[in-house]
Amino acid sequence: MRFKACILIVFMILTGCFAGTKEQISPENNSAAAEIQLTPVDLFQGEAARFKLFLGPMTGAFKLKYEGNKHNVSLDIDIWKNGQKVDSAGSIGDLFYSSDEEKDSNEVELIISVDTESIEGLEEFRKIKVNTNSHLGSSLSTFTIPWDTTLTAQGLIQDTRPRSFTIDQPVHVFGMHATSSNEIHTADLTTDSLRKTEWALVFTLRLDEDME
């Protein structure tokens, strides 16, 4: 009888240890525990308006602040046609990169510009520039995509108010859309709105699971 009681006690202790271990591990592996705060930035406010001539009208900026367990997050540049993603223009990986000495690096500012680039006798292109700034420094990435000259009207898609979100699913944070009809409609960063666009360049945050 005592032997059975001892076995029961040992079993209960082991069960409690495993349960406690599980509770400690789960939050660390849960991407939903990580939250990102997006804050729009007005690049051309006040005297800075003079820089709009150099950066172009298809320019926007925002800050991202990471809170919670840090994961590798990439900024993907997706090409949408007729309401669905059809291609990729590029990607910036490990957006919240920090060295071992700078583990508290959890905020980055992004400036995105999409401008026309044409070479005489050749097709027209769009040059995408993404500048990332943090207390560690800055980095400029450029991407080039061919441009359909029938798309004559274009506009930005960006947030006007701060918002917070988790990154368990891809999140659209910035965009540009264009149409060939010379009549462009307002759009937002929701998937339902993007499905109504004729052509769009959509900047999307995604977890980079290959680097986890």
N, C-alpha and C. Protein backbone atom coordinates (compact mmCIF):
# COMPACT_ATOMS: atom_id res chain seq x y z
N MET A 1 0.83 -1.21 0.00
CA MET A 1 0.00 0.00 0.00
C MET A 1 0.87 1.26 0.00
N ARG A 2 1.92 1.20 0.87
CA ARG A 2 2.81 2.35 0.92
C ARG A 2 3.54 2.52 -0.41
N PHE A 3 3.88 1.40 -1.03
CA PHE A 3 4.57 1.45 -2.32
C PHE A 3 3.72 2.14 -3.38
N LYS A 4 2.42 1.82 -3.41
CA LYS A 4 1.50 2.45 -4.36
C LYS A 4 1.37 3.95 -4.08
N ALA A 5 1.34 4.28 -2.78
CA ALA A 5 1.21 5.70 -2.41
C ALA A 5 2.44 6.48 -2.86
N CYS A 6 3.63 5.88 -2.69
CA CYS A 6 4.87 6.54 -3.11
C CYS A 6 4.88 6.78 -4.62
N ILE A 7 4.45 5.75 -5.36
CA ILE A 7 4.40 5.89 -6.82
C ILE A 7 3.45 7.02 -7.22
N LEU A 8 2.31 7.10 -6.54
CA LEU A 8 1.33 8.14 -6.85
C LEU A 8 1.90 9.53 -6.58
N ILE A 9 2.63 9.68 -5.47
CA ILE A 9 3.21 10.98 -5.11
C ILE A 9 4.26 11.40 -6.14
N VAL A 10 5.14 10.43 -6.52
CA VAL A 10 6.17 10.73 -7.52
C VAL A 10 5.54 11.13 -8.84
N PHE A 11 4.46 10.45 -9.24
CA PHE A 11 3.77 10.76 -10.49
C PHE A 11 3.20 12.17 -10.47
N MET A 12 2.61 12.55 -9.33
CA MET A 12 2.03 13.89 -9.21
C MET A 12 3.11 14.97 -9.27
N ILE A 13 4.26 14.69 -8.66
CA ILE A 13 5.36 15.67 -8.68
C ILE A 13 5.88 15.87 -10.09
N LEU A 14 6.10 14.74 -10.80
CA LEU A 14 6.59 14.82 -12.17
C LEU A 14 5.61 15.54 -13.08
N THR A 15 4.32 15.25 -12.91
CA THR A 15 3.28 15.90 -13.71
C THR A 15 3.30 17.40 -13.49
N GLY A 16 3.46 17.82 -12.24
CA GLY A 16 3.51 19.24 -11.92
C GLY A 16 4.71 19.92 -12.53
N CYS A 17 5.87 19.21 -12.54
CA CYS A 17 7.08 19.79 -13.13
C CYS A 17 6.93 19.99 -14.62
N PHE A 18 6.38 18.99 -15.31
CA PHE A 18 6.19 19.11 -16.76
C PHE A 18 5.21 20.22 -17.10
N ALA A 19 4.15 20.35 -16.29
CA ALA A 19 3.15 21.39 -16.55
C ALA A 19 3.77 22.76 -16.39
N GLY A 20 4.61 22.91 -15.32
CA GLY A 20 5.25 24.19 -15.10
C GLY A 20 6.21 24.55 -16.21
N THR A 21 6.95 23.52 -16.69
CA THR A 21 7.88 23.76 -17.79
C THR A 21 7.15 24.18 -19.04
N LYS A 22 6.02 23.56 -19.31
CA LYS A 22 5.23 23.88 -20.50
C LYS A 22 4.73 25.31 -20.44
N GLU A 23 4.31 25.76 -19.25
CA GLU A 23 3.81 27.12 -19.12
C GLU A 23 4.91 28.14 -19.36
N GLN A 24 6.17 27.77 -19.00
CA GLN A 24 7.26 28.71 -19.19
C GLN A 24 7.70 28.79 -20.64
N ILE A 25 7.62 27.68 -21.36
CA ILE A 25 8.11 27.63 -22.73
C ILE A 25 7.13 28.24 -23.72
N SER A 26 5.85 28.01 -23.50
CA SER A 26 4.83 28.39 -24.48
C SER A 26 4.87 29.86 -24.86
N PRO A 27 4.93 30.81 -23.88
CA PRO A 27 4.92 32.21 -24.27
C PRO A 27 6.11 32.58 -25.15
N GLU A 28 7.28 31.94 -24.92
CA GLU A 28 8.46 32.29 -25.69
C GLU A 28 8.35 31.86 -27.14
N ASN A 29 7.58 30.79 -27.38
CA ASN A 29 7.43 30.30 -28.74
C ASN A 29 6.21 30.86 -29.44
N ASN A 30 5.46 31.71 -28.75
CA ASN A 30 4.21 32.22 -29.30
C ASN A 30 4.45 33.57 -29.96
N SER A 31 4.38 33.62 -31.29
CA SER A 31 4.64 34.87 -32.00
C SER A 31 3.60 35.93 -31.69
N ALA A 32 2.41 35.51 -31.22
CA ALA A 32 1.36 36.47 -30.91
C ALA A 32 1.72 37.33 -29.71
N ALA A 33 2.72 36.87 -28.90
CA ALA A 33 3.13 37.65 -27.74
C ALA A 33 3.91 38.89 -28.16
N ALA A 34 4.40 38.92 -29.39
CA ALA A 34 5.14 40.06 -29.89
C ALA A 34 4.18 41.05 -30.55
N GLU A 35 4.36 42.34 -30.24
CA GLU A 35 3.48 43.38 -30.78
C GLU A 35 4.31 44.46 -31.44
N ILE A 36 3.80 45.00 -32.52
CA ILE A 36 4.46 46.09 -33.23
C ILE A 36 3.55 47.31 -33.24
N GLN A 37 4.12 48.45 -32.90
CA GLN A 37 3.40 49.72 -32.94
C GLN A 37 3.87 50.50 -34.17
N LEU A 38 2.93 50.90 -35.02
CA LEU A 38 3.24 51.69 -36.22
C LEU A 38 2.79 53.13 -36.01
N THR A 39 3.70 54.07 -36.23
CA THR A 39 3.39 55.49 -36.09
C THR A 39 3.74 56.21 -37.38
N PRO A 40 2.76 56.81 -38.07
CA PRO A 40 3.06 57.55 -39.31
C PRO A 40 3.96 58.74 -39.04
N VAL A 41 4.80 59.07 -40.01
CA VAL A 41 5.71 60.21 -39.91
C VAL A 41 5.45 61.15 -41.08
N ASP A 42 5.26 62.44 -40.78
CA ASP A 42 5.06 63.44 -41.83
C ASP A 42 6.42 64.00 -42.23
N LEU A 43 6.93 63.52 -43.36
CA LEU A 43 8.27 63.93 -43.81
C LEU A 43 8.33 65.38 -44.25
N PHE A 44 7.22 65.91 -44.73
CA PHE A 44 7.24 67.21 -45.38
C PHE A 44 6.54 68.28 -44.55
N GLN A 45 6.59 68.13 -43.25
CA GLN A 45 5.94 69.11 -42.37
C GLN A 45 6.83 70.34 -42.23
N GLY A 46 6.21 71.51 -42.31
CA GLY A 46 6.95 72.76 -42.11
C GLY A 46 8.01 73.00 -43.18
N GLU A 47 9.21 73.36 -42.74
CA GLU A 47 10.29 73.68 -43.67
C GLU A 47 10.75 72.47 -44.46
N ALA A 48 10.47 71.28 -43.96
CA ALA A 48 10.90 70.06 -44.67
C ALA A 48 10.14 69.85 -45.98
N ALA A 49 9.11 70.65 -46.22
CA ALA A 49 8.33 70.53 -47.46
C ALA A 49 9.21 70.72 -48.70
N ARG A 50 10.30 71.44 -48.56
CA ARG A 50 11.17 71.70 -49.72
C ARG A 50 11.84 70.42 -50.22
N PHE A 51 11.90 69.39 -49.39
CA PHE A 51 12.55 68.15 -49.81
C PHE A 51 11.64 67.28 -50.68
N LYS A 52 10.37 67.63 -50.76
CA LYS A 52 9.43 66.82 -51.54
C LYS A 52 9.81 66.81 -53.01
N LEU A 53 10.40 67.90 -53.48
CA LEU A 53 10.82 67.99 -54.87
C LEU A 53 11.87 66.93 -55.20
N PHE A 54 12.71 66.63 -54.23
CA PHE A 54 13.80 65.67 -54.46
C PHE A 54 13.35 64.23 -54.21
N LEU A 55 12.49 64.03 -53.24
CA LEU A 55 12.04 62.68 -52.90
C LEU A 55 10.89 62.22 -53.79
N GLY A 56 10.11 63.16 -54.31
CA GLY A 56 8.99 62.80 -55.17
C GLY A 56 7.70 62.64 -54.39
N PRO A 57 6.56 62.73 -55.09
CA PRO A 57 5.26 62.66 -54.41
C PRO A 57 4.92 61.27 -53.88
N MET A 58 5.51 60.22 -54.47
CA MET A 58 5.21 58.86 -54.01
C MET A 58 6.18 58.46 -52.91
N THR A 59 6.18 59.23 -51.83
CA THR A 59 7.09 59.02 -50.70
C THR A 59 6.31 59.05 -49.40
N GLY A 60 6.66 58.17 -48.49
CA GLY A 60 6.02 58.14 -47.18
C GLY A 60 6.98 57.59 -46.14
N ALA A 61 6.61 57.73 -44.88
CA ALA A 61 7.48 57.27 -43.80
C ALA A 61 6.65 56.87 -42.59
N PHE A 62 7.22 55.98 -41.80
CA PHE A 62 6.58 55.55 -40.56
C PHE A 62 7.61 54.91 -39.65
N LYS A 63 7.28 54.87 -38.37
CA LYS A 63 8.14 54.22 -37.38
C LYS A 63 7.50 52.92 -36.91
N LEU A 64 8.34 51.93 -36.65
CA LEU A 64 7.89 50.66 -36.10
C LEU A 64 8.62 50.41 -34.79
N LYS A 65 7.85 50.10 -33.75
CA LYS A 65 8.43 49.79 -32.45
C LYS A 65 8.02 48.39 -32.04
N TYR A 66 9.00 47.59 -31.71
CA TYR A 66 8.79 46.17 -31.41
C TYR A 66 8.72 45.99 -29.89
N GLU A 67 7.69 45.30 -29.43
CA GLU A 67 7.56 44.98 -28.01
C GLU A 67 7.27 43.50 -27.85
N GLY A 68 7.89 42.88 -26.87
CA GLY A 68 7.66 41.46 -26.65
C GLY A 68 8.85 40.64 -27.11
N ASN A 69 8.63 39.34 -27.25
CA ASN A 69 9.69 38.44 -27.68
C ASN A 69 10.11 38.75 -29.11
N LYS A 70 11.39 38.95 -29.32
CA LYS A 70 11.86 39.37 -30.63
C LYS A 70 11.97 38.20 -31.59
N HIS A 71 11.46 38.41 -32.80
CA HIS A 71 11.56 37.45 -33.88
C HIS A 71 12.17 38.15 -35.09
N ASN A 72 12.64 37.38 -36.05
CA ASN A 72 13.15 37.96 -37.29
C ASN A 72 11.97 38.35 -38.18
N VAL A 73 11.87 39.62 -38.49
CA VAL A 73 10.76 40.14 -39.29
C VAL A 73 11.31 40.69 -40.60
N SER A 74 10.67 40.34 -41.70
CA SER A 74 11.09 40.86 -43.01
C SER A 74 10.04 41.82 -43.55
N LEU A 75 10.50 42.77 -44.36
CA LEU A 75 9.60 43.68 -45.08
C LEU A 75 9.60 43.24 -46.54
N ASP A 76 8.52 42.61 -46.96
CA ASP A 76 8.41 42.12 -48.33
C ASP A 76 7.71 43.15 -49.21
N ILE A 77 8.18 43.28 -50.44
CA ILE A 77 7.59 44.21 -51.40
C ILE A 77 6.83 43.37 -52.43
N ASP A 78 5.52 43.36 -52.31
CA ASP A 78 4.67 42.50 -53.14
C ASP A 78 4.05 43.30 -54.28
N ILE A 79 3.94 42.67 -55.44
CA ILE A 79 3.28 43.27 -56.60
C ILE A 79 1.90 42.63 -56.75
N TRP A 80 0.88 43.48 -56.76
CA TRP A 80 -0.50 43.01 -56.93
C TRP A 80 -1.03 43.45 -58.29
N LYS A 81 -1.78 42.57 -58.93
CA LYS A 81 -2.47 42.92 -60.17
C LYS A 81 -3.89 42.37 -60.11
N ASN A 82 -4.82 43.25 -60.45
CA ASN A 82 -6.24 42.86 -60.45
C ASN A 82 -6.66 42.22 -59.13
N GLY A 83 -6.19 42.81 -58.05
CA GLY A 83 -6.66 42.41 -56.73
C GLY A 83 -6.00 41.23 -56.08
N GLN A 84 -4.87 40.76 -56.62
CA GLN A 84 -4.19 39.65 -55.96
C GLN A 84 -2.68 39.74 -56.18
N LYS A 85 -1.94 39.16 -55.23
CA LYS A 85 -0.48 39.17 -55.34
C LYS A 85 -0.04 38.24 -56.47
N VAL A 86 0.83 38.77 -57.35
CA VAL A 86 1.29 37.98 -58.49
C VAL A 86 2.82 37.84 -58.53
N ASP A 87 3.53 38.70 -57.78
CA ASP A 87 4.99 38.66 -57.88
C ASP A 87 5.60 39.38 -56.68
N SER A 88 6.91 39.32 -56.60
CA SER A 88 7.64 40.02 -55.55
C SER A 88 8.69 40.92 -56.17
N ALA A 89 8.81 42.14 -55.63
CA ALA A 89 9.82 43.08 -56.11
C ALA A 89 11.09 43.02 -55.27
N GLY A 90 11.03 42.32 -54.14
CA GLY A 90 12.20 42.22 -53.27
C GLY A 90 11.79 42.10 -51.82
N SER A 91 12.78 42.05 -50.94
CA SER A 91 12.51 41.90 -49.52
C SER A 91 13.70 42.41 -48.72
N ILE A 92 13.42 42.95 -47.54
CA ILE A 92 14.46 43.37 -46.60
C ILE A 92 14.32 42.49 -45.37
N GLY A 93 15.32 41.67 -45.10
CA GLY A 93 15.23 40.72 -44.00
C GLY A 93 15.74 41.27 -42.68
N ASP A 94 15.31 40.64 -41.60
CA ASP A 94 15.75 40.97 -40.24
C ASP A 94 15.67 42.48 -39.99
N LEU A 95 14.47 43.00 -40.12
CA LEU A 95 14.23 44.44 -40.06
C LEU A 95 14.66 45.05 -38.73
N PHE A 96 14.51 44.28 -37.65
CA PHE A 96 14.86 44.78 -36.31
C PHE A 96 16.22 44.22 -35.88
N TYR A 97 17.15 44.14 -36.81
CA TYR A 97 18.46 43.57 -36.52
C TYR A 97 19.13 44.33 -35.39
N SER A 98 19.78 43.57 -34.51
CA SER A 98 20.61 44.16 -33.47
C SER A 98 21.73 43.19 -33.14
N SER A 99 22.90 43.71 -32.87
CA SER A 99 24.03 42.87 -32.49
C SER A 99 23.87 42.41 -31.05
N ASP A 100 24.73 41.52 -30.63
CA ASP A 100 24.66 41.01 -29.26
C ASP A 100 24.84 42.13 -28.24
N GLU A 101 25.59 43.16 -28.62
CA GLU A 101 25.83 44.28 -27.70
C GLU A 101 24.66 45.25 -27.67
N GLU A 102 23.76 45.17 -28.66
CA GLU A 102 22.65 46.12 -28.77
C GLU A 102 21.31 45.37 -28.77
N LYS A 103 21.09 44.59 -27.74
CA LYS A 103 19.89 43.77 -27.70
C LYS A 103 18.62 44.58 -27.51
N ASP A 104 18.75 45.83 -27.10
CA ASP A 104 17.56 46.65 -26.86
C ASP A 104 17.12 47.41 -28.11
N SER A 105 17.68 47.09 -29.26
CA SER A 105 17.30 47.77 -30.50
C SER A 105 15.93 47.27 -30.96
N ASN A 106 14.90 48.04 -30.69
CA ASN A 106 13.54 47.58 -31.00
C ASN A 106 12.71 48.62 -31.74
N GLU A 107 13.36 49.65 -32.29
CA GLU A 107 12.62 50.69 -33.01
C GLU A 107 13.36 51.05 -34.29
N VAL A 108 12.60 51.20 -35.36
CA VAL A 108 13.19 51.55 -36.65
C VAL A 108 12.25 52.49 -37.39
N GLU A 109 12.82 53.45 -38.11
CA GLU A 109 12.04 54.35 -38.96
C GLU A 109 12.32 54.01 -40.42
N LEU A 110 11.25 53.92 -41.20
CA LEU A 110 11.39 53.59 -42.62
C LEU A 110 10.90 54.75 -43.48
N ILE A 111 11.70 55.11 -44.46
CA ILE A 111 11.31 56.09 -45.48
C ILE A 111 11.27 55.36 -46.81
N ILE A 112 10.12 55.38 -47.47
CA ILE A 112 9.92 54.64 -48.72
C ILE A 112 9.59 55.62 -49.83
N SER A 113 10.29 55.47 -50.95
CA SER A 113 10.06 56.34 -52.10
C SER A 113 10.00 55.49 -53.36
N VAL A 114 9.01 55.79 -54.21
CA VAL A 114 8.87 55.10 -55.50
C VAL A 114 8.91 56.17 -56.59
N ASP A 115 9.93 56.11 -57.43
CA ASP A 115 10.13 57.17 -58.41
C ASP A 115 10.33 56.59 -59.81
N THR A 116 10.10 57.43 -60.81
CA THR A 116 10.23 57.01 -62.21
C THR A 116 11.69 57.05 -62.65
N GLU A 117 12.07 56.03 -63.39
CA GLU A 117 13.40 56.00 -63.98
C GLU A 117 13.27 55.52 -65.41
N SER A 118 13.67 56.35 -66.33
CA SER A 118 13.55 55.99 -67.74
C SER A 118 14.87 56.22 -68.46
N ILE A 119 15.16 55.32 -69.37
CA ILE A 119 16.36 55.42 -70.20
C ILE A 119 15.92 55.54 -71.65
N GLU A 120 16.46 56.52 -72.33
CA GLU A 120 16.04 56.79 -73.71
C GLU A 120 16.17 55.54 -74.59
N GLY A 121 15.09 55.21 -75.25
CA GLY A 121 15.10 54.06 -76.13
C GLY A 121 14.77 52.76 -75.45
N LEU A 122 14.65 52.79 -74.12
CA LEU A 122 14.33 51.58 -73.37
C LEU A 122 13.02 51.77 -72.62
N GLU A 123 12.53 50.69 -72.02
CA GLU A 123 11.27 50.77 -71.30
C GLU A 123 11.42 51.57 -70.00
N GLU A 124 10.31 51.99 -69.47
CA GLU A 124 10.30 52.78 -68.25
C GLU A 124 10.33 51.87 -67.03
N PHE A 125 10.98 52.35 -65.98
CA PHE A 125 11.09 51.57 -64.75
C PHE A 125 10.60 52.40 -63.56
N ARG A 126 10.38 51.70 -62.46
CA ARG A 126 10.14 52.35 -61.18
C ARG A 126 11.24 51.92 -60.22
N LYS A 127 11.88 52.90 -59.61
CA LYS A 127 12.93 52.61 -58.63
C LYS A 127 12.33 52.75 -57.23
N ILE A 128 12.45 51.69 -56.45
CA ILE A 128 11.93 51.66 -55.09
C ILE A 128 13.10 51.84 -54.13
N LYS A 129 13.01 52.85 -53.28
CA LYS A 129 14.06 53.10 -52.29
C LYS A 129 13.47 52.94 -50.89
N VAL A 130 14.16 52.17 -50.07
CA VAL A 130 13.73 51.96 -48.69
C VAL A 130 14.90 52.30 -47.78
N ASN A 131 14.74 53.35 -46.99
CA ASN A 131 15.78 53.75 -46.05
C ASN A 131 15.34 53.39 -44.63
N THR A 132 16.17 52.63 -43.94
CA THR A 132 15.86 52.24 -42.55
C THR A 132 16.81 52.99 -41.62
N ASN A 133 16.24 53.59 -40.57
CA ASN A 133 17.02 54.34 -39.59
C ASN A 133 16.75 53.81 -38.20
N SER A 134 17.80 53.61 -37.44
CA SER A 134 17.68 53.25 -36.02
C SER A 134 18.85 53.89 -35.29
N HIS A 135 18.93 53.68 -33.97
CA HIS A 135 20.04 54.28 -33.23
C HIS A 135 21.37 53.61 -33.57
N LEU A 136 21.30 52.50 -34.33
CA LEU A 136 22.53 51.83 -34.77
C LEU A 136 23.09 52.45 -36.04
N GLY A 137 22.25 53.22 -36.77
CA GLY A 137 22.67 53.81 -38.03
C GLY A 137 21.55 53.73 -39.06
N SER A 138 21.91 53.88 -40.33
CA SER A 138 20.91 53.85 -41.39
C SER A 138 21.38 52.95 -42.53
N SER A 139 20.40 52.48 -43.32
CA SER A 139 20.70 51.60 -44.44
C SER A 139 19.73 51.91 -45.57
N LEU A 140 20.26 52.01 -46.79
CA LEU A 140 19.43 52.30 -47.96
C LEU A 140 19.42 51.09 -48.89
N SER A 141 18.22 50.62 -49.22
CA SER A 141 18.06 49.50 -50.15
C SER A 141 17.29 50.00 -51.37
N THR A 142 17.68 49.55 -52.55
CA THR A 142 16.99 49.96 -53.78
C THR A 142 16.58 48.73 -54.59
N PHE A 143 15.42 48.84 -55.22
CA PHE A 143 14.89 47.79 -56.07
C PHE A 143 14.34 48.45 -57.34
N THR A 144 14.42 47.76 -58.45
CA THR A 144 13.94 48.30 -59.72
C THR A 144 12.97 47.31 -60.36
N ILE A 145 11.83 47.83 -60.81
CA ILE A 145 10.83 46.98 -61.47
C ILE A 145 10.40 47.64 -62.78
N PRO A 146 10.06 46.86 -63.80
CA PRO A 146 9.54 47.44 -65.05
C PRO A 146 8.18 48.09 -64.80
N TRP A 147 7.86 49.08 -65.63
CA TRP A 147 6.63 49.84 -65.42
C TRP A 147 5.75 49.79 -66.66
N ASP A 148 4.47 49.57 -66.42
CA ASP A 148 3.47 49.58 -67.49
C ASP A 148 3.03 51.03 -67.71
N THR A 149 3.38 51.60 -68.84
CA THR A 149 3.10 53.02 -69.09
C THR A 149 1.61 53.32 -69.27
N THR A 150 0.78 52.29 -69.38
CA THR A 150 -0.66 52.54 -69.45
C THR A 150 -1.23 52.91 -68.08
N LEU A 151 -0.46 52.68 -67.03
CA LEU A 151 -0.89 53.06 -65.67
C LEU A 151 -0.57 54.54 -65.48
N THR A 152 -1.53 55.37 -65.74
CA THR A 152 -1.28 56.82 -65.79
C THR A 152 -1.63 57.57 -64.51
N ALA A 153 -2.42 56.96 -63.63
CA ALA A 153 -2.78 57.61 -62.37
C ALA A 153 -2.28 56.75 -61.22
N GLN A 154 -1.73 57.39 -60.20
CA GLN A 154 -1.18 56.63 -59.09
C GLN A 154 -1.35 57.39 -57.78
N GLY A 155 -1.34 56.65 -56.69
CA GLY A 155 -1.52 57.26 -55.38
C GLY A 155 -0.93 56.39 -54.28
N LEU A 156 -0.68 57.00 -53.13
CA LEU A 156 -0.12 56.28 -51.99
C LEU A 156 -1.22 55.62 -51.17
N ILE A 157 -0.86 54.54 -50.51
CA ILE A 157 -1.73 53.89 -49.53
C ILE A 157 -0.95 53.85 -48.23
N GLN A 158 -1.37 54.61 -47.24
CA GLN A 158 -0.62 54.67 -45.99
C GLN A 158 -1.54 55.01 -44.83
N ASP A 159 -1.07 54.69 -43.64
CA ASP A 159 -1.82 54.99 -42.43
C ASP A 159 -1.71 56.48 -42.10
N THR A 160 -2.77 57.01 -41.53
CA THR A 160 -2.74 58.39 -41.05
C THR A 160 -2.77 58.47 -39.53
N ARG A 161 -3.03 57.32 -38.89
CA ARG A 161 -3.07 57.26 -37.43
C ARG A 161 -2.22 56.09 -36.94
N PRO A 162 -1.70 56.20 -35.72
CA PRO A 162 -0.94 55.08 -35.16
C PRO A 162 -1.83 53.84 -34.99
N ARG A 163 -1.23 52.67 -35.08
CA ARG A 163 -1.95 51.43 -34.82
C ARG A 163 -0.97 50.38 -34.30
N SER A 164 -1.51 49.38 -33.62
CA SER A 164 -0.71 48.29 -33.08
C SER A 164 -1.25 46.97 -33.61
N PHE A 165 -0.36 46.00 -33.77
CA PHE A 165 -0.78 44.70 -34.28
C PHE A 165 0.24 43.64 -33.87
N THR A 166 -0.21 42.39 -33.87
CA THR A 166 0.70 41.27 -33.67
C THR A 166 1.15 40.76 -35.04
N ILE A 167 2.19 39.94 -35.04
CA ILE A 167 2.76 39.52 -36.32
C ILE A 167 2.62 38.02 -36.53
N ASP A 168 1.56 37.45 -35.96
CA ASP A 168 1.32 36.03 -36.22
C ASP A 168 0.85 35.81 -37.65
N GLN A 169 0.38 36.89 -38.31
CA GLN A 169 -0.03 36.86 -39.71
C GLN A 169 0.63 38.04 -40.44
N PRO A 170 0.84 37.95 -41.77
CA PRO A 170 1.40 39.08 -42.51
C PRO A 170 0.55 40.34 -42.35
N VAL A 171 1.20 41.49 -42.27
CA VAL A 171 0.51 42.77 -42.07
C VAL A 171 0.99 43.77 -43.13
N HIS A 172 0.04 44.36 -43.86
CA HIS A 172 0.37 45.39 -44.86
C HIS A 172 0.59 46.72 -44.13
N VAL A 173 1.72 47.38 -44.40
CA VAL A 173 2.05 48.60 -43.68
C VAL A 173 2.21 49.83 -44.58
N PHE A 174 2.30 49.64 -45.89
CA PHE A 174 2.48 50.77 -46.80
C PHE A 174 2.20 50.29 -48.21
N GLY A 175 1.84 51.21 -49.09
CA GLY A 175 1.58 50.79 -50.46
C GLY A 175 1.45 51.95 -51.42
N MET A 176 1.44 51.59 -52.68
CA MET A 176 1.20 52.53 -53.78
C MET A 176 0.34 51.79 -54.80
N HIS A 177 -0.67 52.46 -55.33
CA HIS A 177 -1.49 51.80 -56.34
C HIS A 177 -1.63 52.69 -57.57
N ALA A 178 -1.97 52.05 -58.69
CA ALA A 178 -2.06 52.78 -59.96
C ALA A 178 -3.17 52.18 -60.81
N THR A 179 -3.64 53.00 -61.76
CA THR A 179 -4.73 52.57 -62.63
C THR A 179 -4.54 53.14 -64.03
N SER A 180 -5.10 52.48 -65.00
CA SER A 180 -5.02 52.93 -66.40
C SER A 180 -6.24 53.73 -66.82
N SER A 181 -7.18 53.93 -65.90
CA SER A 181 -8.44 54.57 -66.27
C SER A 181 -8.46 56.08 -66.06
N ASN A 182 -7.36 56.64 -65.53
CA ASN A 182 -7.30 58.07 -65.21
C ASN A 182 -8.30 58.46 -64.13
N GLU A 183 -8.89 57.48 -63.47
CA GLU A 183 -9.80 57.73 -62.35
C GLU A 183 -9.39 56.80 -61.21
N ILE A 184 -8.71 57.37 -60.23
CA ILE A 184 -8.18 56.55 -59.15
C ILE A 184 -9.05 56.71 -57.90
N HIS A 185 -9.29 55.61 -57.23
CA HIS A 185 -10.12 55.62 -56.02
C HIS A 185 -9.23 55.51 -54.79
N THR A 186 -9.73 56.02 -53.68
CA THR A 186 -8.99 55.90 -52.44
C THR A 186 -8.93 54.43 -52.03
N ALA A 187 -7.85 54.07 -51.36
CA ALA A 187 -7.66 52.69 -50.93
C ALA A 187 -6.99 52.69 -49.56
N ASP A 188 -7.17 51.60 -48.83
CA ASP A 188 -6.47 51.44 -47.56
C ASP A 188 -5.71 50.13 -47.57
N LEU A 189 -5.10 49.80 -46.44
CA LEU A 189 -4.20 48.65 -46.39
C LEU A 189 -4.88 47.34 -46.01
N THR A 190 -6.20 47.34 -45.96
CA THR A 190 -6.91 46.08 -45.70
C THR A 190 -6.90 45.23 -46.97
N THR A 191 -6.96 43.93 -46.78
CA THR A 191 -6.96 43.02 -47.93
C THR A 191 -8.17 43.25 -48.81
N ASP A 192 -9.32 43.53 -48.21
CA ASP A 192 -10.53 43.78 -49.00
C ASP A 192 -10.35 44.97 -49.93
N SER A 193 -9.70 46.02 -49.44
CA SER A 193 -9.48 47.20 -50.27
C SER A 193 -8.46 46.93 -51.37
N LEU A 194 -7.41 46.20 -51.03
CA LEU A 194 -6.37 45.90 -52.02
C LEU A 194 -6.91 45.03 -53.15
N ARG A 195 -7.90 44.22 -52.86
CA ARG A 195 -8.49 43.37 -53.89
C ARG A 195 -9.22 44.18 -54.97
N LYS A 196 -9.49 45.44 -54.69
CA LYS A 196 -10.18 46.29 -55.65
C LYS A 196 -9.22 47.10 -56.52
N THR A 197 -7.92 46.95 -56.29
CA THR A 197 -6.95 47.73 -57.04
C THR A 197 -6.62 47.05 -58.37
N GLU A 198 -6.28 47.88 -59.36
CA GLU A 198 -5.85 47.34 -60.66
C GLU A 198 -4.39 46.91 -60.61
N TRP A 199 -3.58 47.75 -59.96
CA TRP A 199 -2.16 47.44 -59.78
C TRP A 199 -1.72 48.08 -58.47
N ALA A 200 -0.91 47.36 -57.70
CA ALA A 200 -0.46 47.91 -56.42
C ALA A 200 0.90 47.34 -56.04
N LEU A 201 1.66 48.17 -55.35
CA LEU A 201 2.92 47.77 -54.74
C LEU A 201 2.68 47.79 -53.24
N VAL A 202 2.73 46.63 -52.61
CA VAL A 202 2.32 46.52 -51.21
C VAL A 202 3.50 46.08 -50.35
N PHE A 203 3.78 46.85 -49.31
CA PHE A 203 4.87 46.55 -48.38
C PHE A 203 4.27 45.81 -47.18
N THR A 204 4.76 44.59 -46.95
CA THR A 204 4.14 43.69 -45.99
C THR A 204 5.16 43.16 -44.99
N LEU A 205 4.82 43.24 -43.71
CA LEU A 205 5.65 42.64 -42.66
C LEU A 205 5.31 41.17 -42.52
N ARG A 206 6.34 40.33 -42.48
CA ARG A 206 6.14 38.89 -42.30
C ARG A 206 7.20 38.33 -41.36
N LEU A 207 6.82 37.31 -40.60
CA LEU A 207 7.80 36.58 -39.81
C LEU A 207 8.68 35.77 -40.75
N ASP A 208 9.98 35.88 -40.56
CA ASP A 208 10.92 35.10 -41.37
C ASP A 208 11.20 33.80 -40.63
N GLU A 209 10.37 32.80 -40.88
CA GLU A 209 10.46 31.54 -40.14
C GLU A 209 11.76 30.80 -40.43
N ASP A 210 12.36 31.02 -41.59
CA ASP A 210 13.61 30.32 -41.93
C ASP A 210 14.76 30.74 -41.03
N MET A 211 14.63 31.93 -40.41
CA MET A 211 15.71 32.44 -39.56
C MET A 211 15.40 32.27 -38.08
N GLU A 212 14.24 31.66 -37.77
CA GLU A 212 13.86 31.48 -36.37
C GLU A 212 14.75 30.44 -35.71
